[in-house]
Amino acid sequence: MAIISLDILIFISALDATIVATTYVPIGNELNALDSAEWIILSYLITLTALQPLYGSISDLLGRVEAIVVAILIFLVGSILCAVSKTMPMLIASRAVQGIGGAGLMSLALVVIADIMNERQRGKYVGIFSGTYGVASAIAPVIGGAIVQNTRWQIIFWINIPFCVVALVLIVMLLRIPRPKGTLIEKAKRIDVGGALLSILGIVLLLLGLSWGGRDHKWSSTQVICTLVFGLVTLVAFAIYEWKVPKVPIVPLYLFKIRNVVFASVSSLLFGFAINGGVMFIPQWAQVVKNASPVVSGAYLVPYSVGMIVTSVVAGIIVTKTGRCHELIVVGSAVMLLGNGLLIMLGSDGSLGKIIAFLLICGLGVGACVQTINLLGQASVRGKDMAVVTTTFLFFRSLGMVLSVSVLNNVIQNVLRDQIEEISKQYASYASSIAAILKDQTLLYTLDIPQQLADAFIQAYTKGLRSGFIALTAFTGLYFILTLGFKNIELKTVLKKTINS
């Protein structure tokens, strides 16, 4: 039952990360704030990414159960605030609160598995967790689309409540993990407050700059340049502070002397970039090119999730039987490269069979890698560093996901704007309609415009999307090359001591 409670945390985390993929545009329209609707996704990702490194350190100092309870409660409060939001600024702020709690859900579930299972055993359970993540990722866009089509969007956030309550009760009642030594006051004194503030500030500033650039402000604007520069400077200050000051740093820098930790960190960054592109833009492609409803556009991701479920479970079995991860990572990254490369061929005439095959291949590659990078990284460090490296790898993956949204969206929009300039010259009398469609592509099928203009816009959009998928494939290629550099370590059957209890 304790494993089930951890599996619920994985399910909640995946559900909330993807359920808004098909719903943020309808929500933006209802709140009369479509221009800022993307921040429903971005605000969650930014705080989730910024707080992830802290949960490993805090759980080492205060205790695993205590850290999980805090994460669930914050996520629960954030979900309620989202559900009662009446304005876009309140919804964006509430999603940020959700992200603070969400940062601890998946990461601490994986940390706890490492506490109670040896490296070989972890493979099986991490495979199950990855399968759960795949199931949630498959059904979340469909559920989200069905909710916004047939009822009130607030239900998207209300459905988190029962899952959170069940997980909370099961964890408090059933999860028995040794607590770290010391009183609560002694533990609190060991928390690296200065490092926490510097890391959060630096990461948030950096991610804000990357999210604003090309979307809300020009890349050359003062807002973007200042946030990026101050973010980088703050992160440099964080690294120096962690090296010199705290007795118990958030991220001990000596870990980055270990080859597999370095490769796992950078690979996780590129992996996050590679997995997020298709998931973010395929539902949008379905709505623009195929005039699909939110429900149907979400269903386009089912093959991706099916592929991910199959190979994640198989990978877990292989790891448990053989104790080997590196080969799975290399093969999985090669399959991901093939799948993302095939997406470049996706045009305005893409058949259902083609999109199913392409996304199935992508999912098969992702499933083989989704947790094996983490397992190989964990096996490369001492038990006392396991929680920190686990949350660090997930931080880099989340950072890659945020980067992919920013970079790929900018590539797509830049190509689309160039194409629209030519279209606008031919259809000058429809300038207001073209401007409206640029903000909300679903208006393509509701506004009174000539079919030739609609066709021209679809062609322009698919050209932009193709450029985005070319960039996605290039980053996936870098990821594949990097996976070749891991040092292969056979996973052990001895349980490492991960808590100083």
Protein backbone atom coordinates (compact mmCIF):
# COMPACT_ATOMS: atom_id res chain seq x y z
CA MET A 1 0.00 0.00 0.00
CA ALA A 2 2.93 2.35 0.68
CA ILE A 3 4.09 1.78 -2.93
CA ILE A 4 0.56 2.59 -4.12
CA SER A 5 0.65 5.89 -2.25
CA LEU A 6 3.92 6.80 -4.01
CA ASP A 7 2.40 5.73 -7.34
CA ILE A 8 -0.49 8.13 -6.70
CA LEU A 9 2.04 10.96 -6.33
CA ILE A 10 3.50 10.07 -9.74
CA PHE A 11 -0.01 9.99 -11.22
CA ILE A 12 -0.94 13.40 -9.78
CA SER A 13 2.32 14.92 -10.99
CA ALA A 14 1.89 13.64 -14.56
CA LEU A 15 -1.82 14.47 -14.67
CA ASP A 16 -1.31 18.09 -13.68
CA ALA A 17 1.68 18.60 -15.96
CA THR A 18 -0.24 17.61 -19.11
CA ILE A 19 -3.94 18.22 -18.46
CA VAL A 20 -3.67 21.89 -19.41
CA ALA A 21 -2.05 21.15 -22.80
CA THR A 22 -5.47 21.10 -24.51
CA THR A 23 -7.27 23.50 -22.17
CA TYR A 24 -5.21 26.67 -21.69
CA VAL A 25 -6.64 28.35 -24.82
CA PRO A 26 -10.33 27.81 -23.86
CA ILE A 27 -9.52 28.94 -20.30
CA GLY A 28 -7.79 32.05 -21.66
CA ASN A 29 -10.82 32.84 -23.83
CA GLU A 30 -13.23 32.46 -20.91
CA LEU A 31 -11.12 34.73 -18.70
CA ASN A 32 -10.71 37.26 -21.55
CA ALA A 33 -6.93 36.93 -21.30
CA LEU A 34 -5.82 34.77 -24.21
CA ASP A 35 -2.56 36.70 -24.63
CA SER A 36 -1.33 35.44 -21.25
CA ALA A 37 -2.90 31.95 -21.36
CA GLU A 38 0.45 30.21 -21.95
CA TRP A 39 1.49 31.36 -18.48
CA ILE A 40 -0.99 28.83 -17.06
CA ILE A 41 1.60 26.25 -18.17
CA LEU A 42 4.76 28.30 -17.69
CA SER A 43 4.12 29.52 -14.12
CA TYR A 44 3.70 25.91 -12.97
CA LEU A 45 6.84 24.76 -14.77
CA ILE A 46 8.95 27.65 -13.46
CA THR A 47 8.23 27.13 -9.75
CA LEU A 48 8.32 23.34 -10.13
CA THR A 49 11.77 23.59 -11.70
CA ALA A 50 13.10 26.16 -9.23
CA LEU A 51 12.07 24.21 -6.12
CA GLN A 52 13.02 20.68 -7.17
CA PRO A 53 16.66 20.83 -6.04
CA LEU A 54 15.56 21.88 -2.54
CA TYR A 55 13.33 18.89 -1.79
CA GLY A 56 16.19 16.39 -1.79
CA SER A 57 18.21 18.42 0.71
CA ILE A 58 15.20 19.25 2.89
CA SER A 59 14.07 15.61 3.01
CA ASP A 60 17.60 14.61 4.11
CA LEU A 61 17.43 17.10 6.98
CA LEU A 62 13.78 16.95 8.10
CA GLY A 63 12.69 13.50 6.98
CA ARG A 64 11.10 11.96 3.89
CA VAL A 65 7.53 11.69 5.20
CA GLU A 66 7.56 15.25 6.53
CA ALA A 67 8.83 16.61 3.19
CA ILE A 68 6.20 14.65 1.21
CA VAL A 69 3.40 15.85 3.49
CA VAL A 70 4.51 19.48 3.01
CA ALA A 71 4.64 19.02 -0.77
CA ILE A 72 1.16 17.46 -0.92
CA LEU A 73 -0.38 20.16 1.29
CA ILE A 74 1.12 22.98 -0.80
CA PHE A 75 -0.05 21.28 -4.01
CA LEU A 76 -3.51 20.80 -2.47
CA VAL A 77 -3.77 24.50 -1.53
CA GLY A 78 -2.57 25.49 -5.00
CA SER A 79 -5.20 23.27 -6.66
CA ILE A 80 -7.99 24.81 -4.58
CA LEU A 81 -6.75 28.33 -5.41
CA CYS A 82 -6.69 27.42 -9.12
CA ALA A 83 -10.24 26.08 -8.94
CA VAL A 84 -11.62 29.26 -7.33
CA SER A 85 -9.65 31.68 -9.54
CA LYS A 86 -11.78 34.31 -11.28
CA THR A 87 -9.05 36.17 -13.14
CA MET A 88 -6.00 35.18 -15.17
CA PRO A 89 -3.47 36.79 -12.78
CA MET A 90 -4.95 34.82 -9.87
CA LEU A 91 -4.93 31.58 -11.89
CA ILE A 92 -1.30 32.10 -12.94
CA ALA A 93 -0.25 32.83 -9.34
CA SER A 94 -2.20 29.78 -8.11
CA ARG A 95 -0.51 27.56 -10.70
CA ALA A 96 2.83 28.85 -9.37
CA VAL A 97 1.79 27.71 -5.87
CA GLN A 98 0.83 24.34 -7.34
CA GLY A 99 4.28 24.08 -8.89
CA ILE A 100 5.97 24.62 -5.50
CA GLY A 101 4.16 21.55 -4.17
CA GLY A 102 4.38 19.65 -7.44
CA ALA A 103 8.18 19.91 -7.31
CA GLY A 104 8.22 17.42 -4.44
CA LEU A 105 5.64 14.90 -5.66
CA MET A 106 7.54 12.88 -8.26
CA SER A 107 11.03 13.63 -6.97
CA LEU A 108 10.34 12.45 -3.41
CA ALA A 109 8.48 9.36 -4.63
CA LEU A 110 11.64 8.34 -6.51
CA VAL A 111 13.81 9.22 -3.51
CA VAL A 112 11.73 7.01 -1.20
CA ILE A 113 11.94 4.06 -3.61
CA ALA A 114 15.73 4.41 -3.43
CA ASP A 115 15.50 4.40 0.40
CA ILE A 116 13.60 1.13 0.61
CA MET A 117 14.78 -0.79 -2.48
CA ASN A 118 18.24 -1.81 -3.65
CA GLU A 119 19.41 -0.68 -7.09
CA ARG A 120 18.22 -3.84 -8.89
CA GLN A 121 14.79 -3.85 -7.23
CA ARG A 122 14.30 -0.19 -8.11
CA GLY A 123 14.22 -1.05 -11.80
CA LYS A 124 10.94 -2.95 -11.47
CA TYR A 125 9.16 -0.34 -9.38
CA VAL A 126 10.52 2.60 -11.33
CA GLY A 127 9.24 0.83 -14.46
CA ILE A 128 5.79 0.66 -12.84
CA PHE A 129 6.00 4.35 -11.91
CA SER A 130 6.98 5.22 -15.48
CA GLY A 131 4.00 3.22 -16.75
CA THR A 132 1.75 5.18 -14.40
CA TYR A 133 3.27 8.41 -15.70
CA GLY A 134 2.51 7.24 -19.24
CA VAL A 135 -1.11 6.37 -18.43
CA ALA A 136 -1.67 9.75 -16.76
CA SER A 137 -0.02 11.55 -19.68
CA ALA A 138 -2.30 9.70 -22.11
CA ILE A 139 -5.59 10.37 -20.37
CA ALA A 140 -4.91 13.87 -19.00
CA PRO A 141 -5.20 15.84 -22.30
CA VAL A 142 -8.35 13.87 -23.21
CA ILE A 143 -9.90 14.45 -19.77
CA GLY A 144 -8.95 18.12 -19.91
CA GLY A 145 -10.45 18.51 -23.37
CA ALA A 146 -13.66 16.74 -22.36
CA ILE A 147 -14.03 18.94 -19.28
CA VAL A 148 -13.64 22.27 -21.10
CA GLN A 149 -15.97 21.09 -23.89
CA ASN A 150 -18.77 19.83 -21.68
CA THR A 151 -18.56 21.53 -18.30
CA ARG A 152 -16.61 24.13 -16.28
CA TRP A 153 -12.79 24.25 -16.58
CA GLN A 154 -12.43 24.59 -12.79
CA ILE A 155 -13.11 20.83 -12.49
CA ILE A 156 -9.64 20.26 -13.96
CA PHE A 157 -8.22 21.42 -10.64
CA TRP A 158 -10.90 20.07 -8.32
CA ILE A 159 -10.16 16.49 -9.43
CA ASN A 160 -6.73 16.76 -7.78
CA ILE A 161 -8.29 16.97 -4.31
CA PRO A 162 -9.38 13.33 -3.77
CA PHE A 163 -6.05 11.99 -5.11
CA CYS A 164 -4.12 14.27 -2.76
CA VAL A 165 -6.22 13.29 0.26
CA VAL A 166 -5.89 9.55 -0.42
CA ALA A 167 -2.11 9.84 -0.97
CA LEU A 168 -1.72 11.93 2.18
CA VAL A 169 -3.62 9.48 4.38
CA LEU A 170 -1.79 6.41 3.00
CA ILE A 171 1.64 8.01 3.36
CA VAL A 172 1.08 9.19 6.94
CA MET A 173 -0.38 5.83 7.99
CA LEU A 174 1.80 3.36 6.06
CA LEU A 175 5.13 4.88 5.05
CA ARG A 176 7.70 3.95 7.68
CA ILE A 177 11.10 5.48 6.92
CA PRO A 178 13.77 6.26 9.56
CA ARG A 179 13.95 9.93 10.50
CA PRO A 180 17.24 11.85 10.46
CA LYS A 181 19.00 12.40 13.78
CA GLY A 182 18.36 15.50 15.89
CA THR A 183 15.52 17.64 17.18
CA LEU A 184 13.36 19.74 14.88
CA ILE A 185 15.27 22.90 15.88
CA GLU A 186 18.64 21.24 15.23
CA LYS A 187 17.44 20.06 11.82
CA ALA A 188 16.06 23.49 10.94
CA LYS A 189 19.39 25.12 11.77
CA ARG A 190 21.14 22.87 9.25
CA ILE A 191 18.91 24.01 6.36
CA ASP A 192 20.91 26.04 3.83
CA VAL A 193 18.61 29.10 3.78
CA GLY A 194 21.09 31.33 1.94
CA GLY A 195 21.66 28.74 -0.76
CA ALA A 196 17.92 28.13 -1.07
CA LEU A 197 17.17 31.82 -1.60
CA LEU A 198 20.00 32.28 -4.12
CA SER A 199 19.06 29.18 -6.13
CA ILE A 200 15.33 30.00 -6.25
CA LEU A 201 15.98 33.64 -7.20
CA GLY A 202 18.54 32.72 -9.85
CA ILE A 203 16.46 29.96 -11.44
CA VAL A 204 13.23 32.01 -11.43
CA LEU A 205 14.96 35.04 -13.01
CA LEU A 206 16.61 32.86 -15.66
CA LEU A 207 13.37 31.04 -16.52
CA LEU A 208 11.37 34.28 -16.57
CA GLY A 209 13.83 35.77 -19.06
CA LEU A 210 13.68 32.67 -21.27
CA SER A 211 9.87 32.62 -21.09
CA TRP A 212 9.47 36.35 -21.82
CA GLY A 213 11.93 36.36 -24.73
CA GLY A 214 10.14 36.45 -28.08
CA ARG A 215 6.74 36.02 -26.42
CA ASP A 216 5.96 38.96 -24.12
CA HIS A 217 9.05 41.05 -24.95
CA LYS A 218 11.73 41.16 -27.64
CA TRP A 219 14.95 39.30 -26.89
CA SER A 220 16.79 42.63 -27.07
CA SER A 221 14.43 44.29 -24.56
CA THR A 222 15.65 45.56 -21.19
CA GLN A 223 13.28 43.21 -19.34
CA VAL A 224 14.64 40.07 -20.99
CA ILE A 225 18.34 41.04 -20.89
CA CYS A 226 18.19 42.16 -17.25
CA THR A 227 16.39 39.04 -15.99
CA LEU A 228 18.76 36.72 -17.89
CA VAL A 229 21.90 38.56 -16.73
CA PHE A 230 20.77 38.86 -13.10
CA GLY A 231 19.63 35.23 -13.15
CA LEU A 232 23.01 33.98 -14.38
CA VAL A 233 24.92 36.21 -11.95
CA THR A 234 22.79 34.96 -9.06
CA LEU A 235 23.40 31.33 -10.04
CA VAL A 236 27.15 31.97 -10.16
CA ALA A 237 26.87 33.52 -6.68
CA PHE A 238 24.90 30.43 -5.58
CA ALA A 239 27.68 28.11 -6.80
CA ILE A 240 30.37 30.14 -4.98
CA TYR A 241 28.24 30.28 -1.82
CA GLU A 242 27.62 26.51 -1.89
CA TRP A 243 31.36 25.92 -2.30
CA LYS A 244 32.46 28.18 0.54
CA VAL A 245 29.76 28.65 3.18
CA PRO A 246 27.23 25.97 4.27
CA LYS A 247 28.16 22.79 6.15
CA VAL A 248 25.24 20.99 4.47
CA PRO A 249 24.88 22.52 0.97
CA ILE A 250 21.76 22.04 -1.14
CA VAL A 251 23.83 20.58 -3.98
CA PRO A 252 27.35 19.50 -2.92
CA LEU A 253 29.63 20.59 -5.76
CA TYR A 254 31.92 17.58 -5.31
CA LEU A 255 29.19 15.49 -6.94
CA PHE A 256 30.02 17.12 -10.28
CA LYS A 257 33.48 15.57 -10.16
CA ILE A 258 31.74 12.23 -10.81
CA ARG A 259 31.55 11.50 -14.54
CA ASN A 260 28.09 9.91 -14.54
CA VAL A 261 26.61 12.72 -12.45
CA VAL A 262 27.78 15.27 -15.03
CA PHE A 263 26.54 13.20 -17.97
CA ALA A 264 23.24 12.40 -16.23
CA SER A 265 22.64 16.09 -15.43
CA VAL A 266 23.28 17.35 -18.98
CA SER A 267 21.49 14.33 -20.50
CA SER A 268 18.47 15.04 -18.29
CA LEU A 269 18.42 18.64 -19.55
CA LEU A 270 18.44 17.52 -23.20
CA PHE A 271 16.01 14.67 -22.48
CA GLY A 272 13.53 17.16 -20.98
CA PHE A 273 13.90 19.32 -24.09
CA ALA A 274 13.40 16.33 -26.41
CA ILE A 275 10.28 14.91 -24.74
CA ASN A 276 8.38 18.16 -24.33
CA GLY A 277 8.32 19.37 -27.93
CA GLY A 278 5.97 16.78 -29.37
CA VAL A 279 3.71 16.71 -26.33
CA MET A 280 3.26 20.50 -26.41
CA PHE A 281 2.72 21.00 -30.15
CA ILE A 282 0.97 17.87 -31.47
CA PRO A 283 -2.42 18.75 -29.87
CA GLN A 284 -2.05 22.26 -31.31
CA TRP A 285 -1.24 20.80 -34.75
CA ALA A 286 -4.39 18.65 -34.54
CA GLN A 287 -6.58 21.65 -33.70
CA VAL A 288 -5.10 23.91 -36.41
CA VAL A 289 -4.62 21.45 -39.27
CA LYS A 290 -7.34 18.87 -38.58
CA ASN A 291 -9.90 21.15 -36.85
CA ALA A 292 -9.89 18.64 -33.98
CA SER A 293 -11.80 19.31 -30.77
CA PRO A 294 -9.86 19.56 -27.49
CA VAL A 295 -10.84 15.95 -26.71
CA VAL A 296 -9.70 14.57 -30.06
CA SER A 297 -6.51 16.65 -30.09
CA GLY A 298 -5.63 15.23 -26.69
CA ALA A 299 -6.30 11.70 -27.98
CA TYR A 300 -3.57 12.19 -30.60
CA LEU A 301 -1.04 11.74 -27.76
CA VAL A 302 -2.33 8.27 -26.81
CA PRO A 303 0.11 6.41 -29.14
CA TYR A 304 2.99 8.34 -27.58
CA SER A 305 1.91 7.29 -24.09
CA VAL A 306 1.26 3.67 -25.13
CA GLY A 307 4.81 3.42 -26.49
CA MET A 308 6.18 4.97 -23.32
CA ILE A 309 4.23 2.57 -21.08
CA VAL A 310 5.40 -0.53 -22.97
CA THR A 311 9.12 0.25 -22.97
CA SER A 312 9.23 1.71 -19.45
CA VAL A 313 7.82 -1.52 -18.01
CA VAL A 314 10.09 -3.66 -20.22
CA ALA A 315 13.09 -1.51 -19.26
CA GLY A 316 12.26 -1.98 -15.57
CA ILE A 317 12.21 -5.76 -16.00
CA ILE A 318 15.51 -5.74 -17.92
CA VAL A 319 17.21 -3.59 -15.29
CA THR A 320 15.99 -5.87 -12.48
CA LYS A 321 17.18 -9.01 -14.29
CA THR A 322 20.54 -7.75 -15.63
CA GLY A 323 21.46 -4.71 -13.54
CA ARG A 324 22.39 -2.81 -16.72
CA CYS A 325 21.05 0.61 -17.78
CA HIS A 326 23.47 2.18 -20.24
CA GLU A 327 22.45 0.11 -23.25
CA LEU A 328 18.78 0.97 -22.67
CA ILE A 329 19.60 4.69 -22.51
CA VAL A 330 21.57 4.58 -25.78
CA VAL A 331 18.95 2.55 -27.67
CA GLY A 332 16.12 4.67 -26.27
CA SER A 333 17.81 7.93 -27.27
CA ALA A 334 18.39 6.57 -30.81
CA VAL A 335 14.70 5.66 -31.12
CA MET A 336 13.74 9.13 -29.80
CA LEU A 337 15.98 10.70 -32.45
CA LEU A 338 14.24 8.66 -35.14
CA GLY A 339 10.76 9.54 -33.85
CA ASN A 340 11.40 13.27 -33.49
CA GLY A 341 13.07 13.29 -36.91
CA LEU A 342 9.97 11.71 -38.47
CA LEU A 343 7.83 14.51 -37.02
CA ILE A 344 9.57 16.87 -39.48
CA MET A 345 7.58 15.11 -42.22
CA LEU A 346 4.29 16.05 -40.56
CA GLY A 347 2.51 18.51 -42.85
CA SER A 348 -1.01 19.68 -43.55
CA ASP A 349 -1.87 16.35 -45.17
CA GLY A 350 -0.65 14.11 -42.32
CA SER A 351 -2.71 10.91 -42.18
CA LEU A 352 -3.90 9.36 -38.93
CA GLY A 353 -1.77 6.28 -39.53
CA LYS A 354 1.35 8.41 -40.02
CA ILE A 355 0.86 10.42 -36.83
CA ILE A 356 0.13 7.25 -34.82
CA ALA A 357 3.32 5.60 -36.10
CA PHE A 358 5.50 8.67 -35.52
CA LEU A 359 4.29 9.26 -31.97
CA LEU A 360 4.43 5.56 -31.08
CA ILE A 361 8.12 5.54 -32.06
CA CYS A 362 8.75 8.67 -29.98
CA GLY A 363 7.05 7.09 -26.97
CA LEU A 364 8.97 3.83 -27.29
CA GLY A 365 12.24 5.78 -27.12
CA VAL A 366 11.12 7.91 -24.16
CA GLY A 367 10.01 4.89 -22.12
CA ALA A 368 13.44 3.29 -22.35
CA CYS A 369 15.13 6.45 -20.99
CA VAL A 370 12.63 8.09 -18.68
CA GLN A 371 14.01 6.61 -15.45
CA THR A 372 17.12 4.68 -16.49
CA ILE A 373 19.22 7.89 -16.53
CA ASN A 374 18.20 8.47 -12.93
CA LEU A 375 18.98 4.86 -11.93
CA LEU A 376 22.47 4.99 -13.47
CA GLY A 377 23.16 8.33 -11.79
CA GLN A 378 21.99 7.04 -8.40
CA ALA A 379 24.23 4.00 -8.73
CA SER A 380 27.24 6.28 -9.25
CA VAL A 381 27.08 8.04 -5.86
CA ARG A 382 27.16 7.16 -2.18
CA GLY A 383 23.90 6.49 -0.37
CA LYS A 384 24.00 9.77 1.55
CA ASP A 385 24.01 11.74 -1.74
CA MET A 386 21.23 9.76 -3.40
CA ALA A 387 18.32 12.13 -2.59
CA VAL A 388 20.25 15.19 -3.75
CA VAL A 389 21.28 13.69 -7.11
CA THR A 390 17.75 12.37 -7.73
CA THR A 391 16.18 15.80 -7.33
CA THR A 392 19.07 17.42 -9.23
CA PHE A 393 18.50 15.19 -12.27
CA LEU A 394 14.76 15.95 -12.19
CA PHE A 395 15.58 19.66 -11.91
CA PHE A 396 17.64 19.51 -15.10
CA ARG A 397 14.87 17.59 -16.86
CA SER A 398 12.29 20.21 -15.86
CA LEU A 399 14.68 22.97 -16.95
CA GLY A 400 14.93 21.31 -20.35
CA MET A 401 11.15 21.19 -20.61
CA VAL A 402 10.88 24.93 -19.93
CA LEU A 403 13.65 25.65 -22.43
CA SER A 404 11.90 23.59 -25.11
CA VAL A 405 8.66 25.56 -24.74
CA SER A 406 10.56 28.84 -25.09
CA VAL A 407 12.96 27.87 -27.88
CA LEU A 408 10.57 25.87 -30.05
CA ASN A 409 7.74 28.37 -29.67
CA ASN A 410 10.07 31.17 -30.75
CA VAL A 411 11.27 29.19 -33.78
CA ILE A 412 7.70 28.39 -34.82
CA GLN A 413 6.38 31.93 -34.28
CA ASN A 414 9.28 33.59 -36.12
CA VAL A 415 8.73 31.44 -39.22
CA LEU A 416 4.96 31.89 -38.96
CA ARG A 417 5.26 35.70 -38.74
CA ASP A 418 7.42 35.79 -41.87
CA GLN A 419 4.86 33.71 -43.73
CA ILE A 420 1.95 35.79 -42.43
CA GLU A 421 3.56 39.00 -43.69
CA GLU A 422 3.30 37.65 -47.25
CA ILE A 423 -0.25 36.39 -46.70
CA SER A 424 -1.33 39.77 -45.25
CA LYS A 425 -0.24 41.55 -48.42
CA GLN A 426 -2.55 39.34 -50.47
CA TYR A 427 -5.48 39.59 -48.06
CA ALA A 428 -5.13 43.13 -46.70
CA SER A 429 -8.90 43.47 -46.16
CA TYR A 430 -8.78 40.57 -43.66
CA ALA A 431 -6.02 42.07 -41.49
CA SER A 432 -8.09 42.00 -38.30
CA SER A 433 -9.09 38.35 -38.84
CA ILE A 434 -5.47 37.35 -39.51
CA ALA A 435 -4.36 39.11 -36.30
CA ALA A 436 -7.08 37.29 -34.32
CA ILE A 437 -6.11 33.91 -35.80
CA LEU A 438 -2.46 34.47 -34.85
CA LYS A 439 -3.55 34.76 -31.20
CA ASP A 440 -6.02 31.86 -31.34
CA GLN A 441 -5.54 29.43 -34.23
CA THR A 442 -8.87 27.71 -33.54
CA LEU A 443 -10.60 30.83 -34.95
CA LEU A 444 -9.45 29.63 -38.35
CA TYR A 445 -12.62 27.55 -38.59
CA THR A 446 -15.09 29.99 -37.03
CA LEU A 447 -14.28 33.35 -38.65
CA ASP A 448 -15.81 34.28 -42.01
CA ILE A 449 -12.70 34.15 -44.22
CA PRO A 450 -12.02 32.77 -47.74
CA GLN A 451 -10.98 29.12 -47.92
CA GLN A 452 -7.83 30.17 -49.78
CA LEU A 453 -6.79 32.31 -46.81
CA ALA A 454 -7.46 29.45 -44.39
CA ASP A 455 -5.40 27.08 -46.54
CA ALA A 456 -2.56 29.60 -46.78
CA PHE A 457 -2.52 30.00 -42.99
CA ILE A 458 -2.42 26.23 -42.47
CA GLN A 459 0.51 25.97 -44.87
CA ALA A 460 2.30 28.80 -43.03
CA TYR A 461 1.66 27.14 -39.67
CA THR A 462 2.96 23.75 -40.80
CA LYS A 463 6.13 25.42 -42.16
CA GLY A 464 6.68 27.01 -38.76
CA LEU A 465 6.01 23.72 -36.98
CA ARG A 466 8.41 21.90 -39.30
CA SER A 467 11.15 24.37 -38.36
CA GLY A 468 10.36 23.71 -34.70
CA PHE A 469 10.64 19.95 -35.19
CA ILE A 470 13.98 20.41 -37.00
CA ALA A 471 15.28 22.25 -33.93
CA LEU A 472 13.79 19.54 -31.70
CA THR A 473 15.57 16.84 -33.70
CA ALA A 474 18.89 18.70 -33.46
CA PHE A 475 18.65 18.81 -29.66
CA THR A 476 17.63 15.13 -29.59
CA GLY A 477 20.74 14.37 -31.65
CA LEU A 478 22.88 16.10 -29.02
CA TYR A 479 21.15 14.03 -26.37
CA PHE A 480 21.92 10.80 -28.26
CA ILE A 481 25.61 11.72 -28.62
CA LEU A 482 25.86 12.55 -24.91
CA THR A 483 24.38 9.21 -23.82
CA LEU A 484 27.39 7.46 -25.38
CA GLY A 485 29.65 9.04 -22.73
CA PHE A 486 28.19 7.33 -19.63
CA LYS A 487 30.37 4.95 -17.68
CA ASN A 488 28.47 1.68 -17.49
CA ILE A 489 27.87 0.55 -13.90
CA GLU A 490 26.11 -2.67 -13.00
CA LEU A 491 23.37 -2.04 -10.43
CA LYS A 492 23.93 -3.73 -7.08
CA THR A 493 21.64 -5.91 -4.97
CA VAL A 494 22.89 -4.40 -1.68
CA LEU A 495 20.75 -1.63 -0.12
CA LYS A 496 22.79 1.53 0.48
CA LYS A 497 22.21 3.54 3.64
CA THR A 498 20.62 6.79 2.44
CA ILE A 499 19.53 8.40 5.74
CA ASN A 500 21.71 9.26 8.76
CA SER A 501 19.17 7.92 11.27
